[in-house]
């Protein structure tokens, strides 16, 4: 599963709250959140004055790694639980391609009344969001039966980004690639 590096969290040290810290030639005054305060501060970075003496301050820092699960959504904030059938086409010169996702009985039909209307097709992973508005619903006897979504890749860079998403999504959901 892919990881995402986030901000380093610092434990507050009472004597360091008002003292400047040096980071890569920049002077940084940290504003820390304490257990007694609801203030959520933000660091301020300014150039180091040549005349200001610096005092060292011991600070404990930890890096936090967040796991981001690749997911597909039709309504932002609501993950689609149904695993799609995906078909890929690519031009002979490799400059563009199309991915067609077919969902049979998607879970979005169960939750669309609660969470709102389908607003598009969103593929989300730690690199960001790939989206398309080319989404069509299939109805049988007046009842929703499936969704077909198309994602068009217009450049080799778009293709590579899509393939990275699909590799993560397929590993997480047990999909395999079959070349026809």
N, C-alpha and C. Protein backbone atom coordinates (compact mmCIF):
# COMPACT_ATOMS: atom_id res chain seq x y z
N UNK A 1 0.85 -1.17 0.00
CA UNK A 1 0.00 0.00 0.00
C UNK A 1 0.89 1.23 0.00
N UNK A 2 0.48 2.23 -0.64
CA UNK A 2 1.29 3.43 -0.79
C UNK A 2 1.25 4.27 0.48
N UNK A 3 2.25 5.08 0.64
CA UNK A 3 2.31 5.93 1.82
C UNK A 3 2.40 7.38 1.41
N UNK A 4 2.04 8.24 2.34
CA UNK A 4 2.09 9.67 2.11
C UNK A 4 2.80 10.29 3.30
N UNK A 5 3.84 11.03 3.03
CA UNK A 5 4.56 11.71 4.10
C UNK A 5 3.80 12.97 4.45
N UNK A 6 3.55 13.20 5.72
CA UNK A 6 2.85 14.41 6.12
C UNK A 6 3.77 15.26 6.97
N UNK A 7 3.21 16.28 7.54
CA UNK A 7 3.98 17.21 8.35
C UNK A 7 4.60 16.51 9.55
N UNK A 8 5.75 17.01 9.98
CA UNK A 8 6.37 16.48 11.19
C UNK A 8 5.69 17.14 12.38
N UNK A 9 5.28 16.35 13.36
CA UNK A 9 4.65 16.86 14.54
C UNK A 9 5.71 17.08 15.60
N UNK A 10 5.65 18.18 16.30
CA UNK A 10 6.62 18.49 17.32
C UNK A 10 5.95 18.47 18.67
N UNK A 11 6.64 17.93 19.66
CA UNK A 11 6.09 17.98 21.00
C UNK A 11 6.45 19.33 21.60
N UNK A 12 5.51 19.99 22.27
CA UNK A 12 5.80 21.31 22.80
C UNK A 12 6.79 21.24 23.95
N UNK A 13 7.74 22.13 23.93
CA UNK A 13 8.70 22.26 25.01
C UNK A 13 8.51 23.67 25.53
N UNK A 14 8.13 23.80 26.80
CA UNK A 14 7.69 25.10 27.30
C UNK A 14 8.72 26.20 27.12
N UNK A 15 10.00 25.91 27.31
CA UNK A 15 10.98 26.97 27.18
C UNK A 15 11.29 27.30 25.73
N UNK A 16 10.82 26.54 24.77
CA UNK A 16 11.11 26.81 23.36
C UNK A 16 9.99 27.58 22.68
N UNK A 17 8.89 27.80 23.34
CA UNK A 17 7.73 28.39 22.68
C UNK A 17 8.01 29.76 22.09
N UNK A 18 8.81 30.58 22.76
CA UNK A 18 9.06 31.93 22.27
C UNK A 18 10.44 32.09 21.67
N UNK A 19 11.24 31.03 21.67
CA UNK A 19 12.58 31.13 21.13
C UNK A 19 12.58 30.71 19.67
N UNK A 20 13.35 31.41 18.86
CA UNK A 20 13.42 31.04 17.44
C UNK A 20 14.22 29.77 17.23
N UNK A 21 13.92 29.06 16.14
CA UNK A 21 14.65 27.86 15.75
C UNK A 21 15.21 28.08 14.35
N UNK A 22 16.34 27.45 14.04
CA UNK A 22 16.96 27.61 12.74
C UNK A 22 16.65 26.39 11.88
N UNK A 23 16.07 26.61 10.69
CA UNK A 23 15.79 25.54 9.73
C UNK A 23 16.33 25.99 8.38
N UNK A 24 17.38 25.36 7.90
CA UNK A 24 17.94 25.61 6.56
C UNK A 24 18.19 27.10 6.31
N UNK A 25 18.80 27.78 7.25
CA UNK A 25 19.12 29.18 7.05
C UNK A 25 17.96 30.13 7.28
N UNK A 26 16.80 29.63 7.63
CA UNK A 26 15.66 30.49 7.92
C UNK A 26 15.38 30.46 9.41
N UNK A 27 14.96 31.55 9.92
CA UNK A 27 14.59 31.62 11.31
C UNK A 27 13.11 31.27 11.41
N UNK A 28 12.77 30.42 12.33
CA UNK A 28 11.40 29.94 12.39
C UNK A 28 10.89 30.04 13.82
N UNK A 29 9.82 30.78 14.02
CA UNK A 29 9.20 30.82 15.32
C UNK A 29 8.04 29.85 15.29
N UNK A 30 8.07 28.84 16.15
CA UNK A 30 7.00 27.84 16.14
C UNK A 30 5.90 28.23 17.08
N UNK A 31 4.69 28.03 16.66
CA UNK A 31 3.54 28.20 17.52
C UNK A 31 3.00 26.81 17.76
N UNK A 32 3.00 26.38 19.00
CA UNK A 32 2.61 25.02 19.33
C UNK A 32 1.23 25.00 19.96
N UNK A 33 0.53 23.94 19.71
CA UNK A 33 -0.77 23.73 20.31
C UNK A 33 -0.56 23.02 21.63
N UNK A 34 -1.13 23.51 22.69
CA UNK A 34 -0.99 22.85 23.98
C UNK A 34 -2.31 22.20 24.35
N UNK A 35 -2.28 21.38 25.40
CA UNK A 35 -3.48 20.67 25.82
C UNK A 35 -4.54 21.62 26.36
N UNK A 36 -4.12 22.80 26.85
CA UNK A 36 -5.06 23.73 27.46
C UNK A 36 -5.68 24.69 26.44
N UNK A 37 -5.17 24.74 25.23
CA UNK A 37 -5.61 25.73 24.26
C UNK A 37 -6.26 25.07 23.05
N UNK A 38 -7.23 25.76 22.47
CA UNK A 38 -7.83 25.28 21.22
C UNK A 38 -7.25 25.99 20.03
N UNK A 39 -6.28 26.88 20.25
CA UNK A 39 -5.63 27.61 19.15
C UNK A 39 -4.81 26.67 18.31
N UNK A 40 -5.01 26.72 17.01
CA UNK A 40 -4.24 25.89 16.09
C UNK A 40 -3.33 26.82 15.30
N UNK A 41 -2.10 26.99 15.76
CA UNK A 41 -1.19 27.96 15.18
C UNK A 41 -0.55 27.50 13.89
N UNK A 42 0.17 28.39 13.29
CA UNK A 42 0.86 28.12 12.04
C UNK A 42 2.25 28.71 12.15
N UNK A 43 3.26 27.99 11.66
CA UNK A 43 4.63 28.46 11.73
C UNK A 43 4.82 29.68 10.85
N UNK A 44 5.68 30.58 11.30
CA UNK A 44 6.01 31.77 10.55
C UNK A 44 7.49 31.70 10.22
N UNK A 45 7.82 31.84 8.95
CA UNK A 45 9.22 31.77 8.52
C UNK A 45 9.65 33.13 7.99
N UNK A 46 10.76 33.63 8.54
CA UNK A 46 11.32 34.89 8.08
C UNK A 46 12.81 34.71 7.89
N UNK A 47 13.41 35.58 7.09
CA UNK A 47 14.85 35.50 6.89
C UNK A 47 15.58 35.81 8.19
N UNK A 48 16.68 35.14 8.39
CA UNK A 48 17.46 35.30 9.62
C UNK A 48 18.18 36.65 9.61
N UNK A 49 17.95 37.46 10.63
CA UNK A 49 18.69 38.72 10.72
C UNK A 49 20.16 38.43 11.02
N UNK A 50 21.06 39.18 10.44
CA UNK A 50 22.48 38.96 10.62
C UNK A 50 22.94 39.29 12.03
N UNK A 51 22.28 40.18 12.73
CA UNK A 51 22.72 40.64 14.03
C UNK A 51 22.13 39.87 15.19
N UNK A 52 21.15 39.02 14.95
CA UNK A 52 20.47 38.35 16.06
C UNK A 52 21.22 37.09 16.47
N UNK A 53 21.62 36.99 17.74
CA UNK A 53 22.25 35.75 18.21
C UNK A 53 21.18 34.67 18.37
N UNK A 54 21.54 33.43 18.05
CA UNK A 54 20.60 32.31 18.16
C UNK A 54 20.95 31.45 19.36
N UNK A 55 19.92 31.00 20.04
CA UNK A 55 20.11 30.07 21.15
C UNK A 55 19.55 28.72 20.70
N UNK A 56 20.24 27.69 21.05
CA UNK A 56 19.80 26.34 20.67
C UNK A 56 18.65 25.91 21.57
N UNK A 57 17.74 25.16 20.98
CA UNK A 57 16.59 24.66 21.73
C UNK A 57 16.39 23.21 21.32
N UNK A 58 16.28 22.32 22.27
CA UNK A 58 16.08 20.90 21.97
C UNK A 58 14.61 20.67 21.67
N UNK A 59 14.34 20.04 20.57
CA UNK A 59 12.97 19.78 20.14
C UNK A 59 12.88 18.35 19.64
N UNK A 60 11.83 17.64 20.02
CA UNK A 60 11.62 16.28 19.57
C UNK A 60 10.66 16.33 18.39
N UNK A 61 11.09 15.79 17.24
CA UNK A 61 10.23 15.77 16.04
C UNK A 61 10.03 14.33 15.61
N UNK A 62 8.82 14.03 15.14
CA UNK A 62 8.51 12.71 14.60
C UNK A 62 7.82 12.88 13.27
N UNK A 63 8.17 12.04 12.32
CA UNK A 63 7.52 12.05 11.03
C UNK A 63 6.33 11.09 11.09
N UNK A 64 5.21 11.50 10.53
CA UNK A 64 4.01 10.68 10.55
C UNK A 64 3.75 10.17 9.13
N UNK A 65 3.54 8.88 8.98
CA UNK A 65 3.24 8.28 7.70
C UNK A 65 1.76 7.92 7.67
N UNK A 66 1.06 8.41 6.65
CA UNK A 66 -0.37 8.14 6.53
C UNK A 66 -0.59 7.17 5.37
N UNK A 67 -1.43 6.19 5.56
CA UNK A 67 -1.76 5.24 4.50
C UNK A 67 -2.99 5.77 3.76
N UNK A 68 -2.90 5.81 2.45
CA UNK A 68 -4.00 6.28 1.63
C UNK A 68 -4.46 5.12 0.76
N UNK A 69 -5.70 4.72 0.95
CA UNK A 69 -6.26 3.61 0.18
C UNK A 69 -6.83 4.16 -1.13
N UNK A 70 -6.41 3.60 -2.27
CA UNK A 70 -6.99 4.06 -3.54
C UNK A 70 -8.48 3.73 -3.59
N UNK A 71 -9.27 4.68 -4.08
CA UNK A 71 -10.72 4.48 -4.08
C UNK A 71 -11.35 5.18 -5.26
N UNK A 72 -12.57 4.77 -5.55
CA UNK A 72 -13.38 5.37 -6.61
C UNK A 72 -14.63 5.93 -5.96
N UNK A 73 -15.03 7.11 -6.40
CA UNK A 73 -16.24 7.75 -5.87
C UNK A 73 -17.05 8.34 -7.03
N UNK A 74 -18.37 8.32 -6.88
CA UNK A 74 -19.27 9.02 -7.79
C UNK A 74 -19.85 10.25 -7.11
N UNK A 75 -19.99 10.17 -5.80
CA UNK A 75 -20.40 11.29 -4.96
C UNK A 75 -19.20 11.58 -4.07
N UNK A 76 -18.68 12.79 -4.13
CA UNK A 76 -17.48 13.09 -3.36
C UNK A 76 -17.71 12.82 -1.88
N UNK A 77 -16.79 12.04 -1.30
CA UNK A 77 -16.88 11.68 0.11
C UNK A 77 -17.53 10.33 0.35
N UNK A 78 -18.10 9.71 -0.69
CA UNK A 78 -18.75 8.41 -0.56
C UNK A 78 -18.04 7.40 -1.46
N UNK A 79 -17.35 6.44 -0.86
CA UNK A 79 -16.59 5.45 -1.63
C UNK A 79 -17.52 4.44 -2.29
N UNK A 80 -17.19 4.09 -3.52
CA UNK A 80 -17.93 3.05 -4.25
C UNK A 80 -17.38 1.70 -3.82
N UNK A 81 -18.27 0.81 -3.39
CA UNK A 81 -17.88 -0.50 -2.89
C UNK A 81 -17.81 -1.56 -4.00
N UNK A 82 -18.54 -1.37 -5.10
CA UNK A 82 -18.56 -2.34 -6.19
C UNK A 82 -17.26 -2.24 -6.99
N UNK A 83 -16.66 -3.39 -7.28
CA UNK A 83 -15.43 -3.44 -8.07
C UNK A 83 -15.82 -3.46 -9.55
N UNK A 84 -15.26 -2.56 -10.35
CA UNK A 84 -15.67 -2.46 -11.76
C UNK A 84 -14.94 -3.42 -12.68
N UNK A 85 -15.50 -3.58 -13.85
CA UNK A 85 -14.81 -4.22 -14.97
C UNK A 85 -14.19 -3.05 -15.74
N UNK A 86 -12.89 -3.11 -15.99
CA UNK A 86 -12.19 -1.99 -16.63
C UNK A 86 -11.63 -2.44 -17.97
N UNK A 87 -11.88 -1.65 -19.00
CA UNK A 87 -11.35 -1.93 -20.34
C UNK A 87 -10.52 -0.73 -20.77
N UNK A 88 -9.32 -1.03 -21.28
CA UNK A 88 -8.40 0.02 -21.71
C UNK A 88 -8.15 -0.05 -23.20
N UNK A 89 -8.09 1.10 -23.83
CA UNK A 89 -7.65 1.19 -25.22
C UNK A 89 -6.57 2.26 -25.27
N UNK A 90 -5.60 2.07 -26.17
CA UNK A 90 -4.52 3.03 -26.32
C UNK A 90 -4.23 3.19 -27.80
N UNK A 91 -3.97 4.41 -28.21
CA UNK A 91 -3.66 4.65 -29.62
C UNK A 91 -2.34 3.97 -30.00
N UNK A 92 -2.18 3.69 -31.29
CA UNK A 92 -0.97 3.01 -31.74
C UNK A 92 0.30 3.80 -31.45
N UNK A 93 0.19 5.12 -31.52
CA UNK A 93 1.38 5.93 -31.25
C UNK A 93 1.57 6.18 -29.75
N UNK A 94 0.66 5.72 -28.92
CA UNK A 94 0.81 5.81 -27.47
C UNK A 94 0.56 7.18 -26.87
N UNK A 95 0.01 8.10 -27.65
CA UNK A 95 -0.18 9.44 -27.14
C UNK A 95 -1.48 9.63 -26.37
N UNK A 96 -2.47 8.77 -26.58
CA UNK A 96 -3.73 8.92 -25.85
C UNK A 96 -4.38 7.56 -25.65
N UNK A 97 -5.40 7.54 -24.80
CA UNK A 97 -6.11 6.30 -24.51
C UNK A 97 -7.41 6.57 -23.78
N UNK A 98 -8.20 5.52 -23.63
CA UNK A 98 -9.48 5.61 -22.94
C UNK A 98 -9.60 4.42 -22.00
N UNK A 99 -10.10 4.70 -20.79
CA UNK A 99 -10.43 3.64 -19.83
C UNK A 99 -11.94 3.67 -19.63
N UNK A 100 -12.57 2.52 -19.79
CA UNK A 100 -14.02 2.41 -19.60
C UNK A 100 -14.27 1.53 -18.39
N UNK A 101 -14.94 2.10 -17.40
CA UNK A 101 -15.27 1.39 -16.16
C UNK A 101 -16.74 1.01 -16.21
N UNK A 102 -17.05 -0.26 -15.98
CA UNK A 102 -18.44 -0.71 -15.92
C UNK A 102 -18.72 -1.28 -14.53
N UNK A 103 -19.71 -0.71 -13.89
CA UNK A 103 -20.12 -1.13 -12.55
C UNK A 103 -21.50 -1.75 -12.64
N UNK A 104 -21.65 -3.01 -12.24
CA UNK A 104 -22.95 -3.66 -12.19
C UNK A 104 -23.50 -3.53 -10.77
N UNK A 105 -24.68 -2.99 -10.63
CA UNK A 105 -25.32 -2.77 -9.34
C UNK A 105 -24.40 -2.02 -8.37
N UNK A 106 -23.93 -0.84 -8.73
CA UNK A 106 -23.03 -0.11 -7.84
C UNK A 106 -23.73 0.35 -6.56
N UNK A 107 -22.93 0.46 -5.52
CA UNK A 107 -23.48 0.84 -4.21
C UNK A 107 -23.92 2.30 -4.18
N UNK A 108 -23.48 3.10 -5.13
CA UNK A 108 -23.87 4.51 -5.15
C UNK A 108 -25.38 4.66 -5.31
N UNK A 109 -26.03 3.71 -5.97
CA UNK A 109 -27.49 3.78 -6.12
C UNK A 109 -28.18 3.62 -4.77
N UNK A 110 -27.57 2.89 -3.85
CA UNK A 110 -28.15 2.71 -2.52
C UNK A 110 -28.04 3.98 -1.69
N UNK A 111 -26.94 4.73 -1.89
CA UNK A 111 -26.68 5.88 -1.03
C UNK A 111 -26.94 7.23 -1.69
N UNK A 112 -27.29 7.25 -2.98
CA UNK A 112 -27.42 8.54 -3.66
C UNK A 112 -28.55 9.39 -3.08
N UNK A 113 -29.58 8.77 -2.55
CA UNK A 113 -30.66 9.53 -1.93
C UNK A 113 -30.22 10.20 -0.64
N UNK A 114 -29.32 9.55 0.09
CA UNK A 114 -28.85 10.09 1.36
C UNK A 114 -27.79 11.16 1.18
N UNK A 115 -26.87 10.97 0.24
CA UNK A 115 -25.70 11.83 0.13
C UNK A 115 -25.74 12.79 -1.04
N UNK A 116 -26.72 12.71 -1.89
CA UNK A 116 -26.81 13.64 -3.01
C UNK A 116 -26.72 12.94 -4.35
N UNK A 117 -26.59 13.74 -5.39
CA UNK A 117 -26.56 13.23 -6.76
C UNK A 117 -25.14 12.84 -7.17
N UNK A 118 -25.07 12.00 -8.18
CA UNK A 118 -23.78 11.64 -8.77
C UNK A 118 -23.24 12.88 -9.47
N UNK A 119 -22.04 13.28 -9.08
CA UNK A 119 -21.47 14.52 -9.61
C UNK A 119 -20.33 14.29 -10.60
N UNK A 120 -19.88 13.04 -10.74
CA UNK A 120 -18.78 12.73 -11.63
C UNK A 120 -18.16 11.41 -11.24
N UNK A 121 -17.01 11.14 -11.80
CA UNK A 121 -16.28 9.91 -11.56
C UNK A 121 -14.91 10.32 -11.02
N UNK A 122 -14.59 9.92 -9.78
CA UNK A 122 -13.38 10.36 -9.10
C UNK A 122 -12.53 9.16 -8.71
N UNK A 123 -11.28 9.14 -9.14
CA UNK A 123 -10.32 8.10 -8.76
C UNK A 123 -9.31 8.78 -7.84
N UNK A 124 -9.24 8.33 -6.60
CA UNK A 124 -8.46 9.02 -5.57
C UNK A 124 -7.37 8.12 -5.03
N UNK A 125 -6.15 8.63 -4.98
CA UNK A 125 -5.04 7.94 -4.32
C UNK A 125 -4.12 8.98 -3.72
N UNK A 126 -2.92 8.55 -3.26
CA UNK A 126 -2.05 9.49 -2.57
C UNK A 126 -1.46 10.55 -3.48
N UNK A 127 -1.53 10.38 -4.78
CA UNK A 127 -1.04 11.40 -5.71
C UNK A 127 -2.08 12.48 -5.96
N UNK A 128 -3.33 12.20 -5.66
CA UNK A 128 -4.38 13.19 -5.89
C UNK A 128 -5.63 12.57 -6.46
N UNK A 129 -6.33 13.32 -7.29
CA UNK A 129 -7.62 12.90 -7.83
C UNK A 129 -7.59 12.97 -9.35
N UNK A 130 -8.03 11.88 -9.99
CA UNK A 130 -8.29 11.86 -11.43
C UNK A 130 -9.81 11.89 -11.56
N UNK A 131 -10.33 12.71 -12.45
CA UNK A 131 -11.79 12.81 -12.51
C UNK A 131 -12.29 12.90 -13.95
N UNK A 132 -13.55 12.56 -14.11
CA UNK A 132 -14.24 12.63 -15.39
C UNK A 132 -15.71 12.91 -15.13
N UNK A 133 -16.33 13.59 -16.06
CA UNK A 133 -17.77 13.82 -15.97
C UNK A 133 -18.53 12.98 -16.98
N UNK A 134 -17.81 12.11 -17.70
CA UNK A 134 -18.43 11.22 -18.69
C UNK A 134 -18.95 9.97 -17.97
N UNK A 135 -20.11 10.10 -17.34
CA UNK A 135 -20.72 9.03 -16.54
C UNK A 135 -22.14 8.80 -17.05
N UNK A 136 -22.46 7.54 -17.35
CA UNK A 136 -23.79 7.18 -17.84
C UNK A 136 -24.37 6.06 -17.00
N UNK A 137 -25.63 6.19 -16.64
CA UNK A 137 -26.33 5.16 -15.88
C UNK A 137 -27.12 4.28 -16.82
N UNK A 138 -27.19 2.99 -16.48
CA UNK A 138 -27.96 2.03 -17.27
C UNK A 138 -29.19 1.64 -16.44
N UNK A 139 -30.36 1.71 -17.07
CA UNK A 139 -31.61 1.38 -16.37
C UNK A 139 -32.26 0.18 -17.04
N UNK A 140 -32.82 -0.72 -16.24
CA UNK A 140 -33.56 -1.88 -16.72
C UNK A 140 -34.93 -1.85 -16.04
N UNK A 141 -35.98 -1.79 -16.86
CA UNK A 141 -37.36 -1.70 -16.35
C UNK A 141 -37.53 -0.52 -15.39
N UNK A 142 -36.89 0.60 -15.71
CA UNK A 142 -37.04 1.81 -14.91
C UNK A 142 -36.21 1.84 -13.64
N UNK A 143 -35.41 0.80 -13.39
CA UNK A 143 -34.60 0.75 -12.17
C UNK A 143 -33.12 0.81 -12.54
N UNK A 144 -32.32 1.51 -11.76
CA UNK A 144 -30.89 1.59 -12.08
C UNK A 144 -30.22 0.23 -11.97
N UNK A 145 -29.42 -0.11 -13.00
CA UNK A 145 -28.77 -1.42 -13.02
C UNK A 145 -27.25 -1.33 -13.09
N UNK A 146 -26.73 -0.22 -13.60
CA UNK A 146 -25.28 -0.12 -13.73
C UNK A 146 -24.84 1.27 -14.11
N UNK A 147 -23.53 1.46 -14.05
CA UNK A 147 -22.92 2.73 -14.43
C UNK A 147 -21.74 2.45 -15.34
N UNK A 148 -21.59 3.27 -16.37
CA UNK A 148 -20.41 3.23 -17.22
C UNK A 148 -19.76 4.60 -17.16
N UNK A 149 -18.47 4.60 -16.82
CA UNK A 149 -17.71 5.86 -16.72
C UNK A 149 -16.50 5.77 -17.64
N UNK A 150 -16.22 6.85 -18.35
CA UNK A 150 -15.06 6.90 -19.24
C UNK A 150 -14.06 7.92 -18.72
N UNK A 151 -12.80 7.51 -18.74
CA UNK A 151 -11.71 8.43 -18.40
C UNK A 151 -10.80 8.51 -19.63
N UNK A 152 -10.65 9.70 -20.17
CA UNK A 152 -9.85 9.90 -21.38
C UNK A 152 -8.49 10.45 -21.01
N UNK A 153 -7.45 9.78 -21.55
CA UNK A 153 -6.07 10.19 -21.33
C UNK A 153 -5.55 10.78 -22.63
N UNK A 154 -5.19 12.05 -22.61
CA UNK A 154 -4.80 12.76 -23.83
C UNK A 154 -3.29 12.85 -24.05
N UNK A 155 -2.51 12.51 -23.04
CA UNK A 155 -1.05 12.59 -23.16
C UNK A 155 -0.41 11.33 -22.55
N UNK A 156 0.82 11.04 -22.91
CA UNK A 156 1.51 9.91 -22.26
C UNK A 156 1.63 10.10 -20.75
N UNK A 157 1.75 11.35 -20.32
CA UNK A 157 1.81 11.63 -18.87
C UNK A 157 0.49 11.24 -18.19
N UNK A 158 -0.66 11.57 -18.82
CA UNK A 158 -1.97 11.17 -18.29
C UNK A 158 -2.07 9.64 -18.21
N UNK A 159 -1.57 8.96 -19.25
CA UNK A 159 -1.60 7.49 -19.28
C UNK A 159 -0.79 6.91 -18.12
N UNK A 160 0.42 7.42 -17.93
CA UNK A 160 1.28 6.93 -16.85
C UNK A 160 0.65 7.15 -15.48
N UNK A 161 0.06 8.33 -15.29
CA UNK A 161 -0.60 8.63 -14.00
C UNK A 161 -1.77 7.68 -13.77
N UNK A 162 -2.58 7.45 -14.81
CA UNK A 162 -3.71 6.54 -14.69
C UNK A 162 -3.22 5.13 -14.35
N UNK A 163 -2.17 4.67 -15.02
CA UNK A 163 -1.66 3.32 -14.76
C UNK A 163 -1.14 3.17 -13.34
N UNK A 164 -0.54 4.24 -12.78
CA UNK A 164 -0.11 4.18 -11.37
C UNK A 164 -1.32 4.03 -10.45
N UNK A 165 -2.40 4.79 -10.74
CA UNK A 165 -3.61 4.63 -9.94
C UNK A 165 -4.15 3.21 -10.06
N UNK A 166 -4.25 2.70 -11.30
CA UNK A 166 -4.82 1.37 -11.50
C UNK A 166 -3.98 0.28 -10.84
N UNK A 167 -2.68 0.43 -10.83
CA UNK A 167 -1.84 -0.55 -10.16
C UNK A 167 -2.15 -0.58 -8.67
N UNK A 168 -2.27 0.59 -8.06
CA UNK A 168 -2.60 0.65 -6.62
C UNK A 168 -4.01 0.10 -6.37
N UNK A 169 -4.96 0.54 -7.19
CA UNK A 169 -6.35 0.12 -7.01
C UNK A 169 -6.50 -1.39 -7.21
N UNK A 170 -5.85 -1.93 -8.23
CA UNK A 170 -5.96 -3.37 -8.49
C UNK A 170 -5.28 -4.19 -7.40
N UNK A 171 -4.15 -3.74 -6.90
CA UNK A 171 -3.49 -4.45 -5.80
C UNK A 171 -4.35 -4.45 -4.55
N UNK A 172 -5.03 -3.35 -4.31
CA UNK A 172 -5.86 -3.22 -3.11
C UNK A 172 -7.17 -4.00 -3.22
N UNK A 173 -7.65 -4.24 -4.46
CA UNK A 173 -8.95 -4.88 -4.65
C UNK A 173 -8.89 -6.23 -5.36
N UNK A 174 -7.70 -6.76 -5.55
CA UNK A 174 -7.56 -8.09 -6.12
C UNK A 174 -7.90 -8.19 -7.60
N UNK A 175 -7.68 -7.13 -8.37
CA UNK A 175 -7.91 -7.17 -9.80
C UNK A 175 -6.66 -7.65 -10.51
N UNK A 176 -6.83 -8.22 -11.69
CA UNK A 176 -5.69 -8.65 -12.49
C UNK A 176 -5.86 -8.14 -13.91
N UNK A 177 -4.75 -7.98 -14.61
CA UNK A 177 -4.73 -7.46 -15.97
C UNK A 177 -4.71 -8.62 -16.95
N UNK A 178 -5.63 -8.62 -17.91
CA UNK A 178 -5.67 -9.65 -18.95
C UNK A 178 -5.59 -8.95 -20.29
N UNK A 179 -4.53 -9.22 -21.05
CA UNK A 179 -4.36 -8.59 -22.35
C UNK A 179 -5.09 -9.39 -23.41
N UNK A 180 -5.91 -8.71 -24.22
CA UNK A 180 -6.67 -9.41 -25.27
C UNK A 180 -6.16 -9.03 -26.62
